[in-house]
Amino acid sequence: MKTKFLLLAVALALALCLPGRASAQMSGETLHISLMGGYLFPNNKIALDNGPIYGVGFGYNFTKNWGIEAFGSYAPGLDDDGYLPGYPPDNRVFDNDVTMARLSALYHFDTGTNFTPYVSLGLGGQWISRDRPEYNNYSSFAASAALGFKYFFNEVVALRMEVNDAYGFSREQGARFNAPAVLAGLTFQVGANPACTDSDADGVCDPYDNCPATPAGYKVDANGCPITVSIRMEIKFDFDKSVIKSQYLSEVQKVADFLKAHPGSEALVEGHTDSVGKDDYNQKLSERRAEAVRDSLINDFGVSSSKVQAVGYGETKPIESNDTPAGRAENRRVVGVISGTDVVE
């Protein structure tokens, strides 16, 4: 039993890693109805074999994340294995029916796609109706927990799978009833809009799109906003020089490739100096260094002039102490963090 349960749990965990598309999602302020079936794995101290279980749930989603659900399940005709603690062994086979009910709070993880993992915690009860005359029926207050996912085919219908467990607190018949189960079925969102209107065609429905006018071709995140990517550039200069050394041309090339690949991206190139010399001279030197990098991007690598700005800060923003040669060498630099939007390949 434990091996089967472990394999099913692993299968569910792998399913939780599957990505979804942003075509249909969880909806807030909707009723939901779930019809499910699966397999029950009673603990071996309660004298019940494994067997099929059927369930139905009725709930309400307050938001896309939070919901509440009343769930009832029924496992009919489970075999009695003939041994129960405190009772004499008996080789006869009897049928037993298990009924469980719970009221649970559910939290759905909003992925911005039609794949929605969830967890739940609940309270309820368990009832075992036994066929064997000398065995008492069992009833108990119980706590439950579940891990699962919903995969939406549209705004109304979703595949639902979960692993759950219910633990009874009564110790009737010499053992507490522990009942792990694996269930699968369909969930229906009542009151959800089955149509997904996507005005900017970015794959995120308008009700969930925080950036409703995204230009065509941009990659977007779960909220429908363009994904921002960035790179960093750093070029060092010799003392009192504004000529780019050959070893740093690869840095300029990297920035040029980035600017061409990402629409809407811009580069702010910042020039700096050490503290040797007069402030006015260093200010102009820092500007010449920044302009040298800007000119190289435009003239050597074909970047549009509108995408690159240059600014000099003189000696006002050192990153190391100017009291040592090594520190001054670090401060003679041009830097820039270049950001842009990612595009669909």
Protein backbone atom coordinates (compact mmCIF):
# COMPACT_ATOMS: atom_id res chain seq x y z
CA MET A 1 0.00 0.00 0.00
CA LYS A 2 2.73 2.45 0.95
CA THR A 3 4.52 1.85 -2.36
CA LYS A 4 1.40 2.54 -4.40
CA PHE A 5 0.66 5.67 -2.43
CA LEU A 6 4.25 6.90 -2.85
CA LEU A 7 4.17 6.32 -6.62
CA LEU A 8 0.90 8.20 -6.98
CA ALA A 9 2.21 11.06 -4.86
CA VAL A 10 5.34 11.29 -7.01
CA ALA A 11 3.22 11.33 -10.16
CA LEU A 12 1.19 14.20 -8.74
CA ALA A 13 4.34 16.09 -7.75
CA LEU A 14 5.68 15.74 -11.30
CA ALA A 15 2.39 16.96 -12.70
CA LEU A 16 2.67 20.04 -10.50
CA CYS A 17 5.84 20.97 -12.39
CA LEU A 18 4.13 21.06 -15.79
CA PRO A 19 3.71 24.58 -17.24
CA GLY A 20 0.38 25.86 -18.43
CA ARG A 21 -0.77 28.43 -20.96
CA ALA A 22 -2.26 31.77 -20.04
CA SER A 23 -5.56 31.05 -21.80
CA ALA A 24 -7.88 30.33 -18.87
CA GLN A 25 -7.39 30.78 -15.16
CA MET A 26 -8.90 30.72 -11.71
CA SER A 27 -11.68 33.25 -11.22
CA GLY A 28 -12.62 35.08 -8.05
CA GLU A 29 -16.18 35.50 -6.76
CA THR A 30 -17.38 32.25 -8.33
CA LEU A 31 -19.01 29.05 -7.12
CA HIS A 32 -17.25 25.81 -7.94
CA ILE A 33 -18.44 22.21 -8.11
CA SER A 34 -16.05 19.24 -8.21
CA LEU A 35 -16.84 15.64 -9.18
CA MET A 36 -13.98 13.28 -8.36
CA GLY A 37 -13.00 9.66 -8.00
CA GLY A 38 -9.90 7.82 -6.90
CA TYR A 39 -8.41 5.34 -4.47
CA LEU A 40 -8.42 5.20 -0.66
CA PHE A 41 -5.53 3.76 1.37
CA PRO A 42 -6.76 3.16 4.97
CA ASN A 43 -4.07 2.60 7.58
CA ASN A 44 -3.46 -1.06 8.33
CA LYS A 45 -4.57 -0.79 11.97
CA ILE A 46 -8.27 -0.38 11.16
CA ALA A 47 -8.78 -3.73 9.35
CA LEU A 48 -9.79 -2.24 5.98
CA ASP A 49 -8.28 -2.95 2.58
CA ASN A 50 -7.65 -0.34 -0.10
CA GLY A 51 -10.48 0.53 -2.44
CA PRO A 52 -12.14 3.06 -4.72
CA ILE A 53 -13.55 6.31 -3.37
CA TYR A 54 -15.91 8.88 -4.89
CA GLY A 55 -16.34 12.51 -3.90
CA VAL A 56 -18.21 15.72 -4.61
CA GLY A 57 -17.28 19.22 -3.51
CA PHE A 58 -19.17 22.52 -3.38
CA GLY A 59 -17.27 25.72 -2.75
CA TYR A 60 -16.81 29.42 -3.31
CA ASN A 61 -13.76 31.33 -4.51
CA PHE A 62 -13.58 34.68 -2.73
CA THR A 63 -10.57 35.69 -4.85
CA LYS A 64 -8.27 34.04 -7.39
CA ASN A 65 -6.28 32.72 -4.42
CA TRP A 66 -8.65 32.04 -1.52
CA GLY A 67 -11.65 29.74 -1.44
CA ILE A 68 -13.71 27.54 0.84
CA GLU A 69 -15.14 24.09 0.10
CA ALA A 70 -17.47 21.50 1.60
CA PHE A 71 -16.33 18.10 0.35
CA GLY A 72 -17.93 14.71 0.92
CA SER A 73 -16.55 11.31 -0.10
CA TYR A 74 -17.80 7.73 -0.04
CA ALA A 75 -15.83 4.48 -0.31
CA PRO A 76 -18.30 1.56 -0.60
CA GLY A 77 -17.66 -2.14 -0.06
CA LEU A 78 -14.12 -2.10 1.31
CA ASP A 79 -13.00 -5.59 2.31
CA ASP A 80 -12.42 -6.44 5.96
CA ASP A 81 -9.04 -8.13 6.37
CA GLY A 82 -10.18 -10.10 9.42
CA TYR A 83 -7.99 -8.58 12.12
CA LEU A 84 -8.67 -5.62 14.37
CA PRO A 85 -6.71 -4.81 17.55
CA GLY A 86 -8.61 -6.03 20.60
CA TYR A 87 -10.81 -8.43 18.62
CA PRO A 88 -10.28 -12.16 17.91
CA PRO A 89 -8.93 -13.06 14.43
CA ASP A 90 -11.61 -13.93 11.90
CA ASN A 91 -10.95 -15.23 8.38
CA ARG A 92 -14.35 -14.27 7.06
CA VAL A 93 -14.61 -11.38 4.57
CA PHE A 94 -17.04 -8.54 5.24
CA ASP A 95 -17.82 -5.34 3.35
CA ASN A 96 -17.42 -1.96 5.00
CA ASP A 97 -18.49 1.49 3.84
CA VAL A 98 -16.44 4.60 4.63
CA THR A 99 -17.96 8.09 4.53
CA MET A 100 -15.98 11.27 5.12
CA ALA A 101 -16.86 14.95 5.07
CA ARG A 102 -14.79 18.09 5.52
CA LEU A 103 -15.01 21.86 5.37
CA SER A 104 -11.73 23.23 4.03
CA ALA A 105 -9.99 26.49 3.27
CA LEU A 106 -8.14 26.41 -0.07
CA TYR A 107 -5.25 28.57 -1.22
CA HIS A 108 -4.57 28.63 -4.97
CA PHE A 109 -1.13 29.69 -6.25
CA ASP A 110 -1.72 32.17 -9.05
CA THR A 111 0.72 31.26 -11.86
CA GLY A 112 -0.95 33.51 -14.42
CA THR A 113 -1.62 30.42 -16.55
CA ASN A 114 -4.28 27.74 -16.77
CA PHE A 115 -2.24 25.58 -14.35
CA THR A 116 -3.11 26.35 -10.71
CA PRO A 117 -1.59 24.40 -7.80
CA TYR A 118 -3.37 24.57 -4.46
CA VAL A 119 -3.21 23.45 -0.84
CA SER A 120 -6.06 23.01 1.62
CA LEU A 121 -6.66 22.44 5.33
CA GLY A 122 -9.97 21.35 6.79
CA LEU A 123 -12.00 19.87 9.62
CA GLY A 124 -14.76 17.30 9.42
CA GLY A 125 -15.71 13.75 10.33
CA GLN A 126 -15.30 10.08 9.43
CA TRP A 127 -17.80 7.23 9.58
CA ILE A 128 -17.22 3.48 9.00
CA SER A 129 -20.27 1.26 8.62
CA ARG A 130 -19.21 -2.34 9.30
CA ASP A 131 -20.91 -5.52 8.11
CA ARG A 132 -19.49 -7.68 10.88
CA PRO A 133 -21.97 -7.91 13.79
CA GLU A 134 -19.40 -8.00 16.61
CA TYR A 135 -17.57 -4.87 15.32
CA ASN A 136 -18.89 -1.49 16.27
CA ASN A 137 -19.40 1.18 13.67
CA TYR A 138 -16.76 3.90 13.80
CA SER A 139 -17.20 7.66 13.91
CA SER A 140 -14.71 10.40 14.63
CA PHE A 141 -13.94 14.08 14.39
CA ALA A 142 -11.11 14.46 11.79
CA ALA A 143 -8.60 16.95 10.40
CA SER A 144 -7.65 16.91 6.72
CA ALA A 145 -5.00 18.31 4.40
CA ALA A 146 -4.59 18.21 0.62
CA LEU A 147 -2.11 19.11 -2.10
CA GLY A 148 -3.27 19.32 -5.70
CA PHE A 149 -3.73 21.28 -8.88
CA LYS A 150 -6.40 22.47 -11.31
CA TYR A 151 -5.71 22.62 -15.04
CA PHE A 152 -8.23 24.85 -16.79
CA PHE A 153 -9.44 23.90 -20.26
CA ASN A 154 -11.42 27.15 -20.31
CA GLU A 155 -12.79 29.62 -17.75
CA VAL A 156 -15.45 27.11 -16.66
CA VAL A 157 -14.02 23.56 -16.74
CA ALA A 158 -10.78 22.32 -15.15
CA LEU A 159 -9.09 18.99 -14.54
CA ARG A 160 -8.50 18.57 -10.80
CA MET A 161 -6.09 16.15 -9.09
CA GLU A 162 -5.09 15.94 -5.46
CA VAL A 163 -3.47 13.85 -2.75
CA ASN A 164 -5.26 14.21 0.59
CA ASP A 165 -5.22 12.70 4.03
CA ALA A 166 -7.78 12.65 6.85
CA TYR A 167 -6.84 11.78 10.41
CA GLY A 168 -9.48 10.77 12.94
CA PHE A 169 -9.03 11.62 16.60
CA SER A 170 -11.23 8.89 18.05
CA ARG A 171 -9.61 5.65 19.19
CA GLU A 172 -12.55 3.35 18.76
CA GLN A 173 -11.80 -0.33 18.02
CA GLY A 174 -8.22 0.06 19.23
CA ALA A 175 -6.86 2.32 16.46
CA ARG A 176 -7.28 5.77 14.99
CA PHE A 177 -8.49 5.90 11.37
CA ASN A 178 -5.99 7.44 8.98
CA ALA A 179 -7.15 7.62 5.35
CA PRO A 180 -4.83 8.92 2.62
CA ALA A 181 -6.43 9.13 -0.84
CA VAL A 182 -5.59 10.09 -4.40
CA LEU A 183 -8.42 11.71 -6.37
CA ALA A 184 -8.94 13.05 -9.89
CA GLY A 185 -11.92 14.63 -11.59
CA LEU A 186 -13.42 17.82 -12.98
CA THR A 187 -14.11 21.19 -11.41
CA PHE A 188 -16.72 23.59 -12.79
CA GLN A 189 -16.57 27.33 -12.06
CA VAL A 190 -20.14 28.58 -11.92
CA GLY A 191 -20.44 32.22 -12.90
CA ALA A 192 -17.07 32.47 -14.66
CA ASN A 193 -16.83 33.98 -18.11
CA PRO A 194 -15.95 31.18 -20.58
CA ALA A 195 -14.57 33.64 -23.14
CA CYS A 196 -11.02 34.87 -22.84
CA THR A 197 -10.74 38.37 -24.30
CA ASP A 198 -7.11 39.21 -24.97
CA SER A 199 -7.04 42.67 -26.53
CA ASP A 200 -3.26 42.90 -26.94
CA ALA A 201 -2.84 39.22 -27.96
CA ASP A 202 -0.09 38.58 -25.40
CA GLY A 203 -1.62 35.35 -24.05
CA VAL A 204 -3.06 36.86 -20.83
CA CYS A 205 -6.81 37.44 -20.59
CA ASP A 206 -7.86 41.06 -20.14
CA PRO A 207 -9.25 40.65 -16.58
CA TYR A 208 -5.80 39.48 -15.44
CA ASP A 209 -3.66 41.75 -17.66
CA ASN A 210 -1.95 44.54 -15.72
CA CYS A 211 -0.41 45.90 -18.94
CA PRO A 212 -3.30 45.77 -21.43
CA ALA A 213 -1.54 47.58 -24.29
CA THR A 214 1.65 45.55 -24.65
CA PRO A 215 3.14 45.94 -28.17
CA ALA A 216 3.11 42.87 -30.38
CA GLY A 217 6.10 40.55 -30.08
CA TYR A 218 7.04 41.32 -26.48
CA LYS A 219 7.42 38.48 -24.00
CA VAL A 220 5.21 39.02 -20.95
CA ASP A 221 5.08 37.75 -17.38
CA ALA A 222 2.09 36.22 -15.58
CA ASN A 223 0.51 39.67 -15.24
CA GLY A 224 0.79 40.47 -18.96
CA CYS A 225 3.64 42.98 -18.56
CA PRO A 226 6.79 42.97 -20.74
CA ILE A 227 9.67 41.03 -19.25
CA THR A 228 12.62 43.27 -18.51
CA VAL A 229 16.17 42.01 -19.00
CA SER A 230 19.44 43.82 -18.44
CA ILE A 231 23.22 43.58 -18.75
CA ARG A 232 26.07 45.51 -17.16
CA MET A 233 29.07 47.06 -18.90
CA GLU A 234 32.36 48.24 -17.38
CA ILE A 235 35.36 49.61 -19.29
CA LYS A 236 38.63 50.82 -17.68
CA PHE A 237 40.82 53.65 -19.05
CA ASP A 238 44.49 54.58 -18.75
CA PHE A 239 45.44 57.70 -16.79
CA ASP A 240 44.31 60.91 -18.53
CA LYS A 241 43.07 58.92 -21.56
CA SER A 242 39.67 58.57 -23.24
CA VAL A 243 40.65 55.96 -25.83
CA ILE A 244 38.92 52.56 -25.55
CA LYS A 245 41.56 49.85 -25.24
CA SER A 246 41.17 46.86 -27.59
CA GLN A 247 40.61 44.46 -24.70
CA TYR A 248 37.31 46.22 -23.91
CA LEU A 249 35.84 46.18 -27.43
CA SER A 250 34.05 42.94 -26.54
CA GLU A 251 32.19 44.86 -23.81
CA VAL A 252 31.05 47.41 -26.39
CA GLN A 253 30.03 44.62 -28.78
CA LYS A 254 28.00 42.94 -26.01
CA VAL A 255 26.03 46.13 -25.39
CA ALA A 256 25.46 46.69 -29.11
CA ASP A 257 24.09 43.15 -29.55
CA PHE A 258 21.79 43.60 -26.56
CA LEU A 259 20.40 46.92 -27.80
CA LYS A 260 19.65 45.45 -31.22
CA ALA A 261 18.00 42.34 -29.78
CA HIS A 262 15.64 44.07 -27.36
CA PRO A 263 13.16 46.65 -28.66
CA GLY A 264 12.59 49.63 -26.41
CA SER A 265 15.98 49.21 -24.73
CA GLU A 266 18.26 52.18 -24.12
CA ALA A 267 21.79 52.62 -22.81
CA LEU A 268 22.95 55.30 -20.37
CA VAL A 269 26.75 55.37 -20.53
CA GLU A 270 28.41 56.93 -17.45
CA GLY A 271 31.97 58.23 -17.49
CA HIS A 272 34.16 58.58 -14.35
CA THR A 273 37.70 59.62 -13.39
CA ASP A 274 40.06 59.39 -10.44
CA SER A 275 40.80 62.44 -8.27
CA VAL A 276 44.12 63.45 -9.82
CA GLY A 277 43.85 66.90 -11.46
CA LYS A 278 41.36 69.74 -11.26
CA ASP A 279 37.64 69.13 -10.90
CA ASP A 280 36.74 70.92 -14.15
CA TYR A 281 39.31 68.99 -16.14
CA ASN A 282 38.14 65.66 -14.70
CA GLN A 283 34.53 66.50 -15.49
CA LYS A 284 35.36 67.05 -19.15
CA LEU A 285 37.58 63.95 -19.21
CA SER A 286 34.72 61.80 -17.88
CA GLU A 287 32.43 63.19 -20.56
CA ARG A 288 34.99 62.39 -23.28
CA ARG A 289 35.25 58.81 -22.02
CA ALA A 290 31.47 58.35 -22.05
CA GLU A 291 31.23 59.90 -25.52
CA ALA A 292 33.99 57.59 -26.77
CA VAL A 293 31.93 54.54 -25.82
CA ARG A 294 28.75 56.07 -27.28
CA ASP A 295 30.52 56.88 -30.56
CA SER A 296 31.89 53.34 -30.77
CA LEU A 297 28.42 51.85 -30.30
CA ILE A 298 27.03 54.06 -33.06
CA ASN A 299 29.90 54.18 -35.57
CA ASP A 300 31.58 50.81 -35.05
CA PHE A 301 28.61 48.58 -34.21
CA GLY A 302 25.65 50.25 -35.92
CA VAL A 303 23.51 51.12 -32.89
CA SER A 304 20.93 53.87 -33.43
CA SER A 305 22.04 57.15 -31.86
CA SER A 306 18.60 57.55 -30.28
CA LYS A 307 19.22 54.49 -28.10
CA VAL A 308 22.41 55.71 -26.40
CA GLN A 309 23.00 58.62 -24.04
CA ALA A 310 26.33 59.63 -22.48
CA VAL A 311 26.93 61.49 -19.23
CA GLY A 312 30.08 62.34 -17.25
CA TYR A 313 30.38 62.46 -13.47
CA GLY A 314 34.00 63.51 -13.16
CA GLU A 315 35.55 62.34 -9.90
CA THR A 316 32.31 62.57 -7.88
CA LYS A 317 31.44 58.84 -7.77
CA PRO A 318 34.52 56.78 -6.89
CA ILE A 319 34.07 53.07 -6.24
CA GLU A 320 37.49 52.67 -4.60
CA SER A 321 39.80 54.90 -2.57
CA ASN A 322 41.78 57.42 -4.61
CA ASP A 323 44.64 57.16 -2.10
CA THR A 324 46.25 54.16 -3.87
CA PRO A 325 47.25 53.51 -7.50
CA ALA A 326 45.03 50.42 -7.60
CA GLY A 327 42.03 52.37 -6.33
CA ARG A 328 42.55 55.17 -8.84
CA ALA A 329 42.76 52.60 -11.66
CA GLU A 330 39.35 51.22 -10.64
CA ASN A 331 37.82 54.72 -10.69
CA ARG A 332 38.96 55.51 -14.26
CA ARG A 333 36.01 53.82 -15.90
CA VAL A 334 32.86 53.91 -18.03
CA VAL A 335 29.94 51.89 -16.74
CA GLY A 336 26.32 51.33 -17.66
CA VAL A 337 23.37 49.11 -16.82
CA ILE A 338 21.44 48.59 -20.03
CA SER A 339 17.82 47.41 -19.71
CA GLY A 340 15.26 46.38 -22.29
CA THR A 341 12.27 44.19 -23.00
CA ASP A 342 12.45 40.58 -24.12
CA VAL A 343 10.82 39.52 -27.38
CA VAL A 344 9.18 36.33 -28.59
CA GLU A 345 11.68 34.17 -30.44
